[in-house]
Structures are given as C-alpha cells and as structure tokens.
Amino acid sequence: MVTNKSSKEGALLIARKELAFQDEEKEKRAVELIIANLELAYQDEEKKNGLPN
C-alpha cells in the first residue's frame, strides 16, 4: 500500500515539474511572439510611410 502511494506521489511530482516547465516555455514563446508582432507592425508602418525596410 505504501509503495503504491509513494509511486503515485512520485508520478504527480514529475507531472507537476513537467507542467511547470511547459508553462515556462509557453511564457518564453509568448514573449517571442510579442516581439515578432511588434517588429511586423513596425515594418508595416515603414511600408505605409514609403520607407525602405
């Protein structure tokens, strides 16, 4: 009984660590997408104003 409980607790700990890692990666990707979006908006504005990119 104790082994089964310990095994489940270990699996939950691993799952929590994996979810935390995935959350960090999603946050990094969100920042990258925000930066890319800002760059595209800047380039679009340059094109509207007739400036070379």
PDB file of N, CA and C in Angstrom:
ATOM      1  N   MET A   1       0.819  -1.194   0.000  1.00  0.00           N
ATOM      2  CA  MET A   1       0.000   0.000   0.000  1.00  0.00           C
ATOM      3  C   MET A   1       0.865   1.262   0.000  1.00  0.00           C
ATOM      4  N   VAL A   2       1.905   1.275   0.836  1.00  0.00           N
ATOM      5  CA  VAL A   2       2.787   2.435   0.918  1.00  0.00           C
ATOM      6  C   VAL A   2       3.528   2.636  -0.394  1.00  0.00           C
ATOM      7  N   THR A   3       3.978   1.530  -1.008  1.00  0.00           N
ATOM      8  CA  THR A   3       4.704   1.622  -2.268  1.00  0.00           C
ATOM      9  C   THR A   3       3.822   2.218  -3.354  1.00  0.00           C
ATOM     10  N   ASN A   4       2.576   1.795  -3.422  1.00  0.00           N
ATOM     11  CA  ASN A   4       1.649   2.310  -4.412  1.00  0.00           C
ATOM     12  C   ASN A   4       1.415   3.804  -4.205  1.00  0.00           C
ATOM     13  N   LYS A   5       1.267   4.216  -2.956  1.00  0.00           N
ATOM     14  CA  LYS A   5       1.061   5.636  -2.647  1.00  0.00           C
ATOM     15  C   LYS A   5       2.309   6.437  -3.005  1.00  0.00           C
ATOM     16  N   SER A   6       3.472   5.912  -2.655  1.00  0.00           N
ATOM     17  CA  SER A   6       4.724   6.593  -2.981  1.00  0.00           C
ATOM     18  C   SER A   6       4.902   6.710  -4.485  1.00  0.00           C
ATOM     19  N   SER A   7       4.539   5.673  -5.193  1.00  0.00           N
ATOM     20  CA  SER A   7       4.643   5.674  -6.649  1.00  0.00           C
ATOM     21  C   SER A   7       3.739   6.745  -7.259  1.00  0.00           C
ATOM     22  N   LYS A   8       2.514   6.841  -6.755  1.00  0.00           N
ATOM     23  CA  LYS A   8       1.580   7.853  -7.251  1.00  0.00           C
ATOM     24  C   LYS A   8       2.077   9.258  -6.933  1.00  0.00           C
ATOM     25  N   GLU A   9       2.609   9.437  -5.727  1.00  0.00           N
ATOM     26  CA  GLU A   9       3.128  10.752  -5.340  1.00  0.00           C
ATOM     27  C   GLU A   9       4.311  11.130  -6.221  1.00  0.00           C
ATOM     28  N   GLY A  10       5.164  10.153  -6.515  1.00  0.00           N
ATOM     29  CA  GLY A  10       6.300  10.409  -7.395  1.00  0.00           C
ATOM     30  C   GLY A  10       5.847  10.791  -8.792  1.00  0.00           C
ATOM     31  N   ALA A  11       4.842  10.095  -9.295  1.00  0.00           N
ATOM     32  CA  ALA A  11       4.313  10.401 -10.621  1.00  0.00           C
ATOM     33  C   ALA A  11       3.697  11.797 -10.649  1.00  0.00           C
ATOM     34  N   LEU A  12       2.996  12.168  -9.584  1.00  0.00           N
ATOM     35  CA  LEU A  12       2.404  13.507  -9.513  1.00  0.00           C
ATOM     36  C   LEU A  12       3.476  14.586  -9.453  1.00  0.00           C
ATOM     37  N   LEU A  13       4.541  14.321  -8.722  1.00  0.00           N
ATOM     38  CA  LEU A  13       5.642  15.280  -8.635  1.00  0.00           C
ATOM     39  C   LEU A  13       6.275  15.493 -10.004  1.00  0.00           C
ATOM     40  N   ILE A  14       6.506  14.407 -10.714  1.00  0.00           N
ATOM     41  CA  ILE A  14       7.077  14.507 -12.061  1.00  0.00           C
ATOM     42  C   ILE A  14       6.132  15.273 -12.979  1.00  0.00           C
ATOM     43  N   ALA A  15       4.844  14.984 -12.892  1.00  0.00           N
ATOM     44  CA  ALA A  15       3.857  15.674 -13.727  1.00  0.00           C
ATOM     45  C   ALA A  15       3.829  17.169 -13.420  1.00  0.00           C
ATOM     46  N   ARG A  16       3.900  17.530 -12.143  1.00  0.00           N
ATOM     47  CA  ARG A  16       3.915  18.952 -11.762  1.00  0.00           C
ATOM     48  C   ARG A  16       5.156  19.653 -12.306  1.00  0.00           C
ATOM     49  N   LYS A  17       6.303  18.979 -12.216  1.00  0.00           N
ATOM     50  CA  LYS A  17       7.541  19.571 -12.743  1.00  0.00           C
ATOM     51  C   LYS A  17       7.447  19.759 -14.252  1.00  0.00           C
ATOM     52  N   GLU A  18       6.883  18.784 -14.939  1.00  0.00           N
ATOM     53  CA  GLU A  18       6.721  18.879 -16.390  1.00  0.00           C
ATOM     54  C   GLU A  18       5.782  20.028 -16.755  1.00  0.00           C
ATOM     55  N   LEU A  19       4.687  20.169 -16.031  1.00  0.00           N
ATOM     56  CA  LEU A  19       3.757  21.268 -16.298  1.00  0.00           C
ATOM     57  C   LEU A  19       4.400  22.626 -16.024  1.00  0.00           C
ATOM     58  N   ALA A  20       5.192  22.712 -14.973  1.00  0.00           N
ATOM     59  CA  ALA A  20       5.889  23.963 -14.669  1.00  0.00           C
ATOM     60  C   ALA A  20       6.856  24.305 -15.796  1.00  0.00           C
ATOM     61  N   PHE A  21       7.569  23.299 -16.290  1.00  0.00           N
ATOM     62  CA  PHE A  21       8.496  23.510 -17.401  1.00  0.00           C
ATOM     63  C   PHE A  21       7.740  23.976 -18.643  1.00  0.00           C
ATOM     64  N   GLN A  22       6.633  23.318 -18.950  1.00  0.00           N
ATOM     65  CA  GLN A  22       5.843  23.700 -20.117  1.00  0.00           C
ATOM     66  C   GLN A  22       5.308  25.122 -19.985  1.00  0.00           C
ATOM     67  N   ASP A  23       4.891  25.509 -18.793  1.00  0.00           N
ATOM     68  CA  ASP A  23       4.423  26.876 -18.567  1.00  0.00           C
ATOM     69  C   ASP A  23       5.531  27.888 -18.838  1.00  0.00           C
ATOM     70  N   GLU A  24       6.741  27.591 -18.369  1.00  0.00           N
ATOM     71  CA  GLU A  24       7.877  28.484 -18.619  1.00  0.00           C
ATOM     72  C   GLU A  24       8.153  28.607 -20.109  1.00  0.00           C
ATOM     73  N   GLU A  25       8.104  27.492 -20.819  1.00  0.00           N
ATOM     74  CA  GLU A  25       8.348  27.509 -22.260  1.00  0.00           C
ATOM     75  C   GLU A  25       7.264  28.302 -22.989  1.00  0.00           C
ATOM     76  N   LYS A  26       6.017  28.170 -22.554  1.00  0.00           N
ATOM     77  CA  LYS A  26       4.928  28.928 -23.167  1.00  0.00           C
ATOM     78  C   LYS A  26       5.117  30.423 -22.943  1.00  0.00           C
ATOM     79  N   GLU A  27       5.564  30.799 -21.752  1.00  0.00           N
ATOM     80  CA  GLU A  27       5.810  32.215 -21.465  1.00  0.00           C
ATOM     81  C   GLU A  27       6.920  32.762 -22.353  1.00  0.00           C
ATOM     82  N   LYS A  28       7.986  31.986 -22.523  1.00  0.00           N
ATOM     83  CA  LYS A  28       9.085  32.409 -23.400  1.00  0.00           C
ATOM     84  C   LYS A  28       8.586  32.581 -24.830  1.00  0.00           C
ATOM     85  N   ARG A  29       7.785  31.631 -25.288  1.00  0.00           N
ATOM     86  CA  ARG A  29       7.259  31.691 -26.652  1.00  0.00           C
ATOM     87  C   ARG A  29       6.324  32.890 -26.809  1.00  0.00           C
ATOM     88  N   ALA A  30       5.536  33.181 -25.805  1.00  0.00           N
ATOM     89  CA  ALA A  30       4.635  34.336 -25.867  1.00  0.00           C
ATOM     90  C   ALA A  30       5.432  35.624 -26.016  1.00  0.00           C
ATOM     91  N   VAL A  31       6.533  35.737 -25.284  1.00  0.00           N
ATOM     92  CA  VAL A  31       7.384  36.924 -25.392  1.00  0.00           C
ATOM     93  C   VAL A  31       7.968  37.018 -26.795  1.00  0.00           C
ATOM     94  N   GLU A  32       8.428  35.890 -27.340  1.00  0.00           N
ATOM     95  CA  GLU A  32       8.973  35.881 -28.699  1.00  0.00           C
ATOM     96  C   GLU A  32       7.924  36.332 -29.709  1.00  0.00           C
ATOM     97  N   LEU A  33       6.687  35.880 -29.534  1.00  0.00           N
ATOM     98  CA  LEU A  33       5.618  36.258 -30.460  1.00  0.00           C
ATOM     99  C   LEU A  33       5.262  37.734 -30.337  1.00  0.00           C
ATOM    100  N   ILE A  34       5.292  38.257 -29.132  1.00  0.00           N
ATOM    101  CA  ILE A  34       5.028  39.689 -28.939  1.00  0.00           C
ATOM    102  C   ILE A  34       6.087  40.518 -29.648  1.00  0.00           C
ATOM    103  N   ILE A  35       7.344  40.126 -29.492  1.00  0.00           N
ATOM    104  CA  ILE A  35       8.440  40.847 -30.149  1.00  0.00           C
ATOM    105  C   ILE A  35       8.299  40.764 -31.665  1.00  0.00           C
ATOM    106  N   ALA A  36       7.993  39.572 -32.186  1.00  0.00           N
ATOM    107  CA  ALA A  36       7.813  39.408 -33.630  1.00  0.00           C
ATOM    108  C   ALA A  36       6.653  40.260 -34.129  1.00  0.00           C
ATOM    109  N   ASN A  37       5.571  40.319 -33.370  1.00  0.00           N
ATOM    110  CA  ASN A  37       4.415  41.118 -33.754  1.00  0.00           C
ATOM    111  C   ASN A  37       4.766  42.602 -33.795  1.00  0.00           C
ATOM    112  N   LEU A  38       5.523  43.056 -32.810  1.00  0.00           N
ATOM    113  CA  LEU A  38       5.950  44.459 -32.802  1.00  0.00           C
ATOM    114  C   LEU A  38       6.834  44.769 -34.005  1.00  0.00           C
ATOM    115  N   GLU A  39       7.724  43.848 -34.333  1.00  0.00           N
ATOM    116  CA  GLU A  39       8.602  44.039 -35.489  1.00  0.00           C
ATOM    117  C   GLU A  39       7.789  44.103 -36.783  1.00  0.00           C
ATOM    118  N   LEU A  40       6.815  43.231 -36.921  1.00  0.00           N
ATOM    119  CA  LEU A  40       5.968  43.254 -38.118  1.00  0.00           C
ATOM    120  C   LEU A  40       5.150  44.537 -38.197  1.00  0.00           C
ATOM    121  N   ALA A  41       4.651  45.000 -37.071  1.00  0.00           N
ATOM    122  CA  ALA A  41       3.888  46.253 -37.051  1.00  0.00           C
ATOM    123  C   ALA A  41       4.784  47.419 -37.458  1.00  0.00           C
ATOM    124  N   TYR A  42       6.028  47.407 -36.990  1.00  0.00           N
ATOM    125  CA  TYR A  42       6.986  48.454 -37.349  1.00  0.00           C
ATOM    126  C   TYR A  42       7.270  48.422 -38.850  1.00  0.00           C
ATOM    127  N   GLN A  43       7.499  47.222 -39.384  1.00  0.00           N
ATOM    128  CA  GLN A  43       7.765  47.090 -40.815  1.00  0.00           C
ATOM    129  C   GLN A  43       6.561  47.530 -41.639  1.00  0.00           C
ATOM    130  N   ASP A  44       5.373  47.197 -41.179  1.00  0.00           N
ATOM    131  CA  ASP A  44       4.157  47.603 -41.875  1.00  0.00           C
ATOM    132  C   ASP A  44       4.040  49.121 -41.898  1.00  0.00           C
ATOM    133  N   GLU A  45       4.351  49.742 -40.786  1.00  0.00           N
ATOM    134  CA  GLU A  45       4.298  51.206 -40.706  1.00  0.00           C
ATOM    135  C   GLU A  45       5.324  51.837 -41.641  1.00  0.00           C
ATOM    136  N   GLU A  46       6.503  51.238 -41.722  1.00  0.00           N
ATOM    137  CA  GLU A  46       7.525  51.744 -42.640  1.00  0.00           C
ATOM    138  C   GLU A  46       7.041  51.666 -44.086  1.00  0.00           C
ATOM    139  N   LYS A  47       6.391  50.562 -44.433  1.00  0.00           N
ATOM    140  CA  LYS A  47       5.888  50.400 -45.800  1.00  0.00           C
ATOM    141  C   LYS A  47       4.813  51.437 -46.100  1.00  0.00           C
ATOM    142  N   LYS A  48       3.949  51.707 -45.127  1.00  0.00           N
ATOM    143  CA  LYS A  48       2.899  52.704 -45.320  1.00  0.00           C
ATOM    144  C   LYS A  48       3.496  54.087 -45.541  1.00  0.00           C
ATOM    145  N   ASN A  49       4.606  54.359 -44.883  1.00  0.00           N
ATOM    146  CA  ASN A  49       5.254  55.662 -44.991  1.00  0.00           C
ATOM    147  C   ASN A  49       6.238  55.725 -46.147  1.00  0.00           C
ATOM    148  N   GLY A  50       6.383  54.629 -46.886  1.00  0.00           N
ATOM    149  CA  GLY A  50       7.267  54.610 -48.041  1.00  0.00           C
ATOM    150  C   GLY A  50       8.733  54.539 -47.698  1.00  0.00           C
ATOM    151  N   LEU A  51       9.061  54.094 -46.489  1.00  0.00           N
ATOM    152  CA  LEU A  51      10.457  53.977 -46.095  1.00  0.00           C
ATOM    153  C   LEU A  51      10.968  52.579 -46.414  1.00  0.00           C
ATOM    154  N   PRO A  52      12.238  52.462 -46.815  1.00  0.00           N
ATOM    155  CA  PRO A  52      12.784  51.124 -47.071  1.00  0.00           C
ATOM    156  C   PRO A  52      12.941  50.351 -45.767  1.00  0.00           C
ATOM    157  N   ASN A  53      12.794  49.014 -45.841  1.00  0.00           N
ATOM    158  CA  ASN A  53      12.929  48.225 -44.616  1.00  0.00           C
ATOM    159  C   ASN A  53      14.256  47.608 -44.474  1.00  0.00           C
TER     160      ASN A  53
END
